[in-house]
PDB file of N, CA and C in Angstrom:
ATOM      1  N   MET A   1     -24.598 -27.723 -12.625  1.00  0.00           N
ATOM      2  CA  MET A   1     -23.276 -28.123 -12.185  1.00  0.00           C
ATOM      3  C   MET A   1     -22.603 -26.937 -11.494  1.00  0.00           C
ATOM      4  N   GLU A   2     -22.036 -27.178 -10.321  1.00  0.00           N
ATOM      5  CA  GLU A   2     -21.410 -26.126  -9.529  1.00  0.00           C
ATOM      6  C   GLU A   2     -19.936 -25.982  -9.903  1.00  0.00           C
ATOM      7  N   ASP A   3     -19.504 -24.730 -10.085  1.00  0.00           N
ATOM      8  CA  ASP A   3     -18.095 -24.456 -10.396  1.00  0.00           C
ATOM      9  C   ASP A   3     -17.329 -24.374  -9.085  1.00  0.00           C
ATOM     10  N   LYS A   4     -16.471 -25.361  -8.831  1.00  0.00           N
ATOM     11  CA  LYS A   4     -15.734 -25.410  -7.570  1.00  0.00           C
ATOM     12  C   LYS A   4     -14.574 -24.419  -7.527  1.00  0.00           C
ATOM     13  N   GLY A   5     -14.197 -23.839  -8.669  1.00  0.00           N
ATOM     14  CA  GLY A   5     -13.083 -22.895  -8.708  1.00  0.00           C
ATOM     15  C   GLY A   5     -13.468 -21.490  -8.280  1.00  0.00           C
ATOM     16  N   VAL A   6     -14.769 -21.194  -8.239  1.00  0.00           N
ATOM     17  CA  VAL A   6     -15.228 -19.846  -7.907  1.00  0.00           C
ATOM     18  C   VAL A   6     -15.987 -19.896  -6.592  1.00  0.00           C
ATOM     19  N   SER A   7     -15.540 -19.110  -5.641  1.00  0.00           N
ATOM     20  CA  SER A   7     -16.189 -19.060  -4.338  1.00  0.00           C
ATOM     21  C   SER A   7     -17.130 -17.859  -4.287  1.00  0.00           C
ATOM     22  N   GLN A   8     -18.282 -18.036  -3.673  1.00  0.00           N
ATOM     23  CA  GLN A   8     -19.230 -16.941  -3.516  1.00  0.00           C
ATOM     24  C   GLN A   8     -18.880 -16.077  -2.305  1.00  0.00           C
ATOM     25  N   ARG A   9     -18.137 -16.647  -1.367  1.00  0.00           N
ATOM     26  CA  ARG A   9     -17.733 -15.900  -0.185  1.00  0.00           C
ATOM     27  C   ARG A   9     -16.505 -15.059  -0.507  1.00  0.00           C
ATOM     28  N   PRO A  10     -16.344 -13.914   0.184  1.00  0.00           N
ATOM     29  CA  PRO A  10     -15.142 -13.109  -0.034  1.00  0.00           C
ATOM     30  C   PRO A  10     -13.893 -13.898   0.361  1.00  0.00           C
ATOM     31  N   CYS A  11     -12.839 -13.689  -0.361  1.00  0.00           N
ATOM     32  CA  CYS A  11     -11.566 -14.342  -0.045  1.00  0.00           C
ATOM     33  C   CYS A  11     -11.038 -13.808   1.277  1.00  0.00           C
ATOM     34  N   PHE A  12     -10.279 -14.641   1.970  1.00  0.00           N
ATOM     35  CA  PHE A  12      -9.649 -14.210   3.209  1.00  0.00           C
ATOM     36  C   PHE A  12      -8.739 -13.032   2.891  1.00  0.00           C
ATOM     37  N   GLY A  13      -8.888 -11.955   3.615  1.00  0.00           N
ATOM     38  CA  GLY A  13      -8.054 -10.782   3.389  1.00  0.00           C
ATOM     39  C   GLY A  13      -8.677  -9.775   2.436  1.00  0.00           C
ATOM     40  N   GLU A  14      -9.763 -10.132   1.780  1.00  0.00           N
ATOM     41  CA  GLU A  14     -10.432  -9.197   0.873  1.00  0.00           C
ATOM     42  C   GLU A  14     -11.222  -8.192   1.701  1.00  0.00           C
ATOM     43  N   LEU A  15     -11.157  -6.934   1.307  1.00  0.00           N
ATOM     44  CA  LEU A  15     -11.854  -5.890   2.053  1.00  0.00           C
ATOM     45  C   LEU A  15     -13.341  -5.878   1.722  1.00  0.00           C
ATOM     46  N   SER A  16     -14.132  -5.591   2.749  1.00  0.00           N
ATOM     47  CA  SER A  16     -15.569  -5.423   2.526  1.00  0.00           C
ATOM     48  C   SER A  16     -15.783  -4.057   1.868  1.00  0.00           C
ATOM     49  N   GLU A  17     -16.987  -3.819   1.389  1.00  0.00           N
ATOM     50  CA  GLU A  17     -17.288  -2.520   0.766  1.00  0.00           C
ATOM     51  C   GLU A  17     -17.102  -1.386   1.773  1.00  0.00           C
ATOM     52  N   GLU A  18     -17.497  -1.619   3.018  1.00  0.00           N
ATOM     53  CA  GLU A  18     -17.331  -0.603   4.062  1.00  0.00           C
ATOM     54  C   GLU A  18     -15.848  -0.321   4.309  1.00  0.00           C
ATOM     55  N   GLN A  19     -15.040  -1.364   4.363  1.00  0.00           N
ATOM     56  CA  GLN A  19     -13.601  -1.191   4.564  1.00  0.00           C
ATOM     57  C   GLN A  19     -12.962  -0.463   3.385  1.00  0.00           C
ATOM     58  N   LYS A  20     -13.405  -0.790   2.177  1.00  0.00           N
ATOM     59  CA  LYS A  20     -12.884  -0.113   0.985  1.00  0.00           C
ATOM     60  C   LYS A  20     -13.193   1.380   1.030  1.00  0.00           C
ATOM     61  N   GLU A  21     -14.403   1.719   1.451  1.00  0.00           N
ATOM     62  CA  GLU A  21     -14.788   3.129   1.541  1.00  0.00           C
ATOM     63  C   GLU A  21     -13.976   3.850   2.619  1.00  0.00           C
ATOM     64  N   LYS A  22     -13.778   3.197   3.765  1.00  0.00           N
ATOM     65  CA  LYS A  22     -12.961   3.799   4.824  1.00  0.00           C
ATOM     66  C   LYS A  22     -11.528   4.005   4.344  1.00  0.00           C
ATOM     67  N   LEU A  23     -10.997   3.046   3.618  1.00  0.00           N
ATOM     68  CA  LEU A  23      -9.648   3.162   3.073  1.00  0.00           C
ATOM     69  C   LEU A  23      -9.575   4.309   2.071  1.00  0.00           C
ATOM     70  N   ARG A  24     -10.581   4.424   1.222  1.00  0.00           N
ATOM     71  CA  ARG A  24     -10.624   5.511   0.240  1.00  0.00           C
ATOM     72  C   ARG A  24     -10.646   6.870   0.938  1.00  0.00           C
ATOM     73  N   GLN A  25     -11.459   6.995   1.982  1.00  0.00           N
ATOM     74  CA  GLN A  25     -11.529   8.244   2.745  1.00  0.00           C
ATOM     75  C   GLN A  25     -10.199   8.539   3.442  1.00  0.00           C
ATOM     76  N   PHE A  26      -9.559   7.505   3.978  1.00  0.00           N
ATOM     77  CA  PHE A  26      -8.257   7.670   4.631  1.00  0.00           C
ATOM     78  C   PHE A  26      -7.214   8.172   3.633  1.00  0.00           C
ATOM     79  N   LYS A  27      -7.218   7.607   2.425  1.00  0.00           N
ATOM     80  CA  LYS A  27      -6.266   8.026   1.393  1.00  0.00           C
ATOM     81  C   LYS A  27      -6.482   9.488   1.007  1.00  0.00           C
ATOM     82  N   ILE A  28      -7.737   9.883   0.874  1.00  0.00           N
ATOM     83  CA  ILE A  28      -8.047  11.273   0.533  1.00  0.00           C
ATOM     84  C   ILE A  28      -7.566  12.205   1.636  1.00  0.00           C
ATOM     85  N   LYS A  29      -7.870  11.868   2.889  1.00  0.00           N
ATOM     86  CA  LYS A  29      -7.452  12.701   4.023  1.00  0.00           C
ATOM     87  C   LYS A  29      -5.931  12.790   4.099  1.00  0.00           C
ATOM     88  N   THR A  30      -5.262  11.668   3.904  1.00  0.00           N
ATOM     89  CA  THR A  30      -3.796  11.650   3.955  1.00  0.00           C
ATOM     90  C   THR A  30      -3.210  12.532   2.865  1.00  0.00           C
ATOM     91  N   ARG A  31      -3.753  12.431   1.669  1.00  0.00           N
ATOM     92  CA  ARG A  31      -3.258  13.247   0.554  1.00  0.00           C
ATOM     93  C   ARG A  31      -3.455  14.735   0.840  1.00  0.00           C
ATOM     94  N   LEU A  32      -4.610  15.110   1.377  1.00  0.00           N
ATOM     95  CA  LEU A  32      -4.865  16.513   1.723  1.00  0.00           C
ATOM     96  C   LEU A  32      -3.932  16.986   2.836  1.00  0.00           C
ATOM     97  N   ASP A  33      -3.736  16.153   3.849  1.00  0.00           N
ATOM     98  CA  ASP A  33      -2.818  16.501   4.941  1.00  0.00           C
ATOM     99  C   ASP A  33      -1.400  16.690   4.420  1.00  0.00           C
ATOM    100  N   ASN A  34      -0.968  15.808   3.527  1.00  0.00           N
ATOM    101  CA  ASN A  34       0.374  15.928   2.948  1.00  0.00           C
ATOM    102  C   ASN A  34       0.508  17.222   2.151  1.00  0.00           C
ATOM    103  N   GLU A  35      -0.514  17.556   1.387  1.00  0.00           N
ATOM    104  CA  GLU A  35      -0.511  18.788   0.591  1.00  0.00           C
ATOM    105  C   GLU A  35      -0.412  20.013   1.500  1.00  0.00           C
ATOM    106  N   ARG A  36      -1.178  20.027   2.578  1.00  0.00           N
ATOM    107  CA  ARG A  36      -1.119  21.147   3.535  1.00  0.00           C
ATOM    108  C   ARG A  36       0.275  21.261   4.149  1.00  0.00           C
ATOM    109  N   TYR A  37       0.853  20.140   4.508  1.00  0.00           N
ATOM    110  CA  TYR A  37       2.183  20.144   5.124  1.00  0.00           C
ATOM    111  C   TYR A  37       3.223  20.696   4.153  1.00  0.00           C
ATOM    112  N   LEU A  38       3.190  20.232   2.911  1.00  0.00           N
ATOM    113  CA  LEU A  38       4.156  20.710   1.920  1.00  0.00           C
ATOM    114  C   LEU A  38       3.990  22.205   1.657  1.00  0.00           C
ATOM    115  N   ARG A  39       2.763  22.697   1.636  1.00  0.00           N
ATOM    116  CA  ARG A  39       2.530  24.131   1.435  1.00  0.00           C
ATOM    117  C   ARG A  39       3.005  24.945   2.639  1.00  0.00           C
ATOM    118  N   ALA A  40       2.916  24.374   3.829  1.00  0.00           N
ATOM    119  CA  ALA A  40       3.346  25.071   5.044  1.00  0.00           C
ATOM    120  C   ALA A  40       4.864  25.056   5.209  1.00  0.00           C
ATOM    121  N   HIS A  41       5.556  24.195   4.473  1.00  0.00           N
ATOM    122  CA  HIS A  41       7.011  24.060   4.582  1.00  0.00           C
ATOM    123  C   HIS A  41       7.645  24.156   3.194  1.00  0.00           C
ATOM    124  N   PRO A  42       7.723  25.381   2.643  1.00  0.00           N
ATOM    125  CA  PRO A  42       8.251  25.543   1.281  1.00  0.00           C
ATOM    126  C   PRO A  42       9.709  25.122   1.133  1.00  0.00           C
ATOM    127  N   GLU A  43      10.451  25.057   2.220  1.00  0.00           N
ATOM    128  CA  GLU A  43      11.855  24.631   2.148  1.00  0.00           C
ATOM    129  C   GLU A  43      11.986  23.187   1.660  1.00  0.00           C
ATOM    130  N   LEU A  44      10.930  22.416   1.819  1.00  0.00           N
ATOM    131  CA  LEU A  44      10.962  21.029   1.348  1.00  0.00           C
ATOM    132  C   LEU A  44      11.055  20.955  -0.171  1.00  0.00           C
ATOM    133  N   GLY A  45      10.530  21.961  -0.849  1.00  0.00           N
ATOM    134  CA  GLY A  45      10.613  21.987  -2.309  1.00  0.00           C
ATOM    135  C   GLY A  45      12.058  21.974  -2.780  1.00  0.00           C
ATOM    136  N   GLY A  46      12.913  22.750  -2.115  1.00  0.00           N
ATOM    137  CA  GLY A  46      14.333  22.776  -2.464  1.00  0.00           C
ATOM    138  C   GLY A  46      15.005  21.441  -2.200  1.00  0.00           C
ATOM    139  N   MET A  47      14.641  20.819  -1.096  1.00  0.00           N
ATOM    140  CA  MET A  47      15.218  19.512  -0.770  1.00  0.00           C
ATOM    141  C   MET A  47      14.806  18.469  -1.805  1.00  0.00           C
ATOM    142  N   ILE A  48      13.551  18.529  -2.209  1.00  0.00           N
ATOM    143  CA  ILE A  48      13.062  17.564  -3.196  1.00  0.00           C
ATOM    144  C   ILE A  48      13.713  17.812  -4.552  1.00  0.00           C
ATOM    145  N   ARG A  49      13.835  19.095  -4.946  1.00  0.00           N
ATOM    146  CA  ARG A  49      14.496  19.412  -6.222  1.00  0.00           C
ATOM    147  C   ARG A  49      15.939  18.929  -6.226  1.00  0.00           C
ATOM    148  N   ALA A  50      16.656  19.142  -5.109  1.00  0.00           N
ATOM    149  CA  ALA A  50      18.051  18.695  -5.019  1.00  0.00           C
ATOM    150  C   ALA A  50      18.131  17.174  -5.141  1.00  0.00           C
ATOM    151  N   PHE A  51      17.215  16.482  -4.489  1.00  0.00           N
ATOM    152  CA  PHE A  51      17.206  15.021  -4.561  1.00  0.00           C
ATOM    153  C   PHE A  51      16.922  14.539  -5.982  1.00  0.00           C
ATOM    154  N   ILE A  52      15.908  15.120  -6.618  1.00  0.00           N
ATOM    155  CA  ILE A  52      15.553  14.709  -7.984  1.00  0.00           C
ATOM    156  C   ILE A  52      16.724  14.969  -8.936  1.00  0.00           C
ATOM    157  N   SER A  53      17.386  16.111  -8.787  1.00  0.00           N
ATOM    158  CA  SER A  53      18.547  16.418  -9.643  1.00  0.00           C
ATOM    159  C   SER A  53      19.641  15.378  -9.462  1.00  0.00           C
ATOM    160  N   LYS A  54      19.935  15.061  -8.205  1.00  0.00           N
ATOM    161  CA  LYS A  54      20.971  14.070  -7.913  1.00  0.00           C
ATOM    162  C   LYS A  54      20.561  12.691  -8.440  1.00  0.00           C
ATOM    163  N   LEU A  55      19.291  12.394  -8.333  1.00  0.00           N
ATOM    164  CA  LEU A  55      18.764  11.120  -8.821  1.00  0.00           C
ATOM    165  C   LEU A  55      18.936  11.008 -10.337  1.00  0.00           C
ATOM    166  N   ILE A  56      18.613  12.073 -11.048  1.00  0.00           N
ATOM    167  CA  ILE A  56      18.733  12.069 -12.512  1.00  0.00           C
ATOM    168  C   ILE A  56      20.194  11.959 -12.937  1.00  0.00           C
ATOM    169  N   LEU A  57      21.071  12.663 -12.237  1.00  0.00           N
ATOM    170  CA  LEU A  57      22.496  12.620 -12.587  1.00  0.00           C
ATOM    171  C   LEU A  57      23.123  11.256 -12.315  1.00  0.00           C
ATOM    172  N   ASN A  58      22.776  10.643 -11.184  1.00  0.00           N
ATOM    173  CA  ASN A  58      23.410   9.384 -10.780  1.00  0.00           C
ATOM    174  C   ASN A  58      22.750   8.134 -11.357  1.00  0.00           C
ATOM    175  N   LYS A  59      21.466   8.210 -11.666  1.00  0.00           N
ATOM    176  CA  LYS A  59      20.711   7.069 -12.204  1.00  0.00           C
ATOM    177  C   LYS A  59      20.984   5.765 -11.434  1.00  0.00           C
ATOM    178  N   PRO A  60      20.704   5.762 -10.127  1.00  0.00           N
ATOM    179  CA  PRO A  60      20.980   4.558  -9.333  1.00  0.00           C
ATOM    180  C   PRO A  60      20.049   3.403  -9.706  1.00  0.00           C
ATOM    181  N   THR A  61      20.543   2.190  -9.518  1.00  0.00           N
ATOM    182  CA  THR A  61      19.698   1.022  -9.784  1.00  0.00           C
ATOM    183  C   THR A  61      18.740   0.771  -8.622  1.00  0.00           C
ATOM    184  N   ASN A  62      19.160   1.101  -7.403  1.00  0.00           N
ATOM    185  CA  ASN A  62      18.313   0.918  -6.228  1.00  0.00           C
ATOM    186  C   ASN A  62      17.934   2.305  -5.701  1.00  0.00           C
ATOM    187  N   ILE A  63      16.789   2.792  -6.127  1.00  0.00           N
ATOM    188  CA  ILE A  63      16.371   4.148  -5.780  1.00  0.00           C
ATOM    189  C   ILE A  63      16.087   4.287  -4.292  1.00  0.00           C
ATOM    190  N   ARG A  64      15.506   3.273  -3.676  1.00  0.00           N
ATOM    191  CA  ARG A  64      15.220   3.359  -2.233  1.00  0.00           C
ATOM    192  C   ARG A  64      16.502   3.495  -1.422  1.00  0.00           C
ATOM    193  N   GLU A  65      17.492   2.708  -1.757  1.00  0.00           N
ATOM    194  CA  GLU A  65      18.776   2.782  -1.055  1.00  0.00           C
ATOM    195  C   GLU A  65      19.425   4.149  -1.299  1.00  0.00           C
ATOM    196  N   PHE A  66      19.364   4.616  -2.524  1.00  0.00           N
ATOM    197  CA  PHE A  66      19.914   5.917  -2.887  1.00  0.00           C
ATOM    198  C   PHE A  66      19.221   7.025  -2.089  1.00  0.00           C
ATOM    199  N   ALA A  67      17.891   6.966  -2.004  1.00  0.00           N
ATOM    200  CA  ALA A  67      17.124   7.970  -1.264  1.00  0.00           C
ATOM    201  C   ALA A  67      17.472   7.928   0.220  1.00  0.00           C
ATOM    202  N   ALA A  68      17.563   6.733   0.776  1.00  0.00           N
ATOM    203  CA  ALA A  68      17.912   6.606   2.194  1.00  0.00           C
ATOM    204  C   ALA A  68      19.280   7.209   2.457  1.00  0.00           C
ATOM    205  N   ASP A  69      20.228   6.927   1.587  1.00  0.00           N
ATOM    206  CA  ASP A  69      21.574   7.476   1.740  1.00  0.00           C
ATOM    207  C   ASP A  69      21.553   8.995   1.586  1.00  0.00           C
ATOM    208  N   HIS A  70      20.837   9.475   0.595  1.00  0.00           N
ATOM    209  CA  HIS A  70      20.772  10.919   0.338  1.00  0.00           C
ATOM    210  C   HIS A  70      20.219  11.678   1.543  1.00  0.00           C
ATOM    211  N   PHE A  71      19.130  11.190   2.101  1.00  0.00           N
ATOM    212  CA  PHE A  71      18.470  11.930   3.170  1.00  0.00           C
ATOM    213  C   PHE A  71      19.035  11.646   4.558  1.00  0.00           C
ATOM    214  N   THR A  72      19.992  10.729   4.678  1.00  0.00           N
ATOM    215  CA  THR A  72      20.618  10.488   5.981  1.00  0.00           C
ATOM    216  C   THR A  72      22.066  10.938   6.018  1.00  0.00           C
ATOM    217  N   THR A  73      22.608  11.370   4.881  1.00  0.00           N
ATOM    218  CA  THR A  73      23.978  11.863   4.828  1.00  0.00           C
ATOM    219  C   THR A  73      23.953  13.371   5.017  1.00  0.00           C
ATOM    220  N   LEU A  74      24.745  13.878   5.938  1.00  0.00           N
ATOM    221  CA  LEU A  74      24.742  15.309   6.225  1.00  0.00           C
ATOM    222  C   LEU A  74      25.130  16.144   5.014  1.00  0.00           C
ATOM    223  N   ASP A  75      26.058  15.681   4.188  1.00  0.00           N
ATOM    224  CA  ASP A  75      26.504  16.441   3.021  1.00  0.00           C
ATOM    225  C   ASP A  75      25.371  16.678   2.029  1.00  0.00           C
ATOM    226  N   ALA A  76      24.393  15.821   2.019  1.00  0.00           N
ATOM    227  CA  ALA A  76      23.293  15.943   1.061  1.00  0.00           C
ATOM    228  C   ALA A  76      22.472  17.196   1.315  1.00  0.00           C
ATOM    229  N   HIS A  77      22.504  17.712   2.543  1.00  0.00           N
ATOM    230  CA  HIS A  77      21.679  18.859   2.896  1.00  0.00           C
ATOM    231  C   HIS A  77      22.432  20.175   2.809  1.00  0.00           C
ATOM    232  N   ALA A  78      23.708  20.135   2.490  1.00  0.00           N
ATOM    233  CA  ALA A  78      24.482  21.370   2.402  1.00  0.00           C
ATOM    234  C   ALA A  78      24.015  22.170   1.195  1.00  0.00           C
ATOM    235  N   ALA A  79      23.867  23.455   1.389  1.00  0.00           N
ATOM    236  CA  ALA A  79      23.448  24.326   0.289  1.00  0.00           C
ATOM    237  C   ALA A  79      24.599  24.481  -0.691  1.00  0.00           C
ATOM    238  N   PRO A  80      24.329  24.462  -1.988  1.00  0.00           N
ATOM    239  CA  PRO A  80      25.403  24.617  -2.973  1.00  0.00           C
ATOM    240  C   PRO A  80      26.192  25.905  -2.784  1.00  0.00           C
ATOM    241  N   SER A  81      25.526  27.001  -2.411  1.00  0.00           N
ATOM    242  CA  SER A  81      26.241  28.259  -2.222  1.00  0.00           C
ATOM    243  C   SER A  81      27.181  28.172  -1.026  1.00  0.00           C
ATOM    244  N   ALA A  82      26.792  27.434   0.011  1.00  0.00           N
ATOM    245  CA  ALA A  82      27.657  27.269   1.184  1.00  0.00           C
ATOM    246  C   ALA A  82      28.893  26.459   0.816  1.00  0.00           C
ATOM    247  N   GLU A  83      28.713  25.450  -0.043  1.00  0.00           N
ATOM    248  CA  GLU A  83      29.857  24.646  -0.470  1.00  0.00           C
ATOM    249  C   GLU A  83      30.833  25.500  -1.266  1.00  0.00           C
ATOM    250  N   ARG A  84      30.319  26.373  -2.131  1.00  0.00           N
ATOM    251  CA  ARG A  84      31.183  27.228  -2.945  1.00  0.00           C
ATOM    252  C   ARG A  84      31.943  28.211  -2.073  1.00  0.00           C
ATOM    253  N   SER A  85      31.273  28.777  -1.063  1.00  0.00           N
ATOM    254  CA  SER A  85      31.960  29.754  -0.222  1.00  0.00           C
ATOM    255  C   SER A  85      33.029  29.085   0.630  1.00  0.00           C
ATOM    256  N   ASP A  86      32.804  27.819   1.036  1.00  0.00           N
ATOM    257  CA  ASP A  86      33.815  27.103   1.806  1.00  0.00           C
ATOM    258  C   ASP A  86      35.041  26.820   0.956  1.00  0.00           C
ATOM    259  N   SER A  87      34.835  26.447  -0.297  1.00  0.00           N
ATOM    260  CA  SER A  87      35.965  26.108  -1.148  1.00  0.00           C
ATOM    261  C   SER A  87      36.712  27.353  -1.600  1.00  0.00           C
ATOM    262  N   ALA A  88      36.069  28.510  -1.556  1.00  0.00           N
ATOM    263  CA  ALA A  88      36.712  29.752  -1.980  1.00  0.00           C
ATOM    264  C   ALA A  88      37.679  30.270  -0.930  1.00  0.00           C
ATOM    265  N   GLU A  89      37.521  29.827   0.317  1.00  0.00           N
ATOM    266  CA  GLU A  89      38.376  30.335   1.401  1.00  0.00           C
ATOM    267  C   GLU A  89      39.751  29.744   1.369  1.00  0.00           C
TER     268      GLU A  89
END
């Protein structure tokens, strides 16, 4: 008796073994490229730390919206020491 619920053919949209391997290699290359970029731009570490701190303090419900706002608002990039010196004047 044949089980009609199980197909022997790959489902539409399912990746072949070759495609899966290419995707795996692409992910590895992308991760290595990202790592090289972050190491070449140490200033990004400060930006990420500032974002994470703000994220922890604010605990937004929509993190994507919060991140978009954080990284597109000019005030988000101001250095804390610059803000203090401006307010001291």
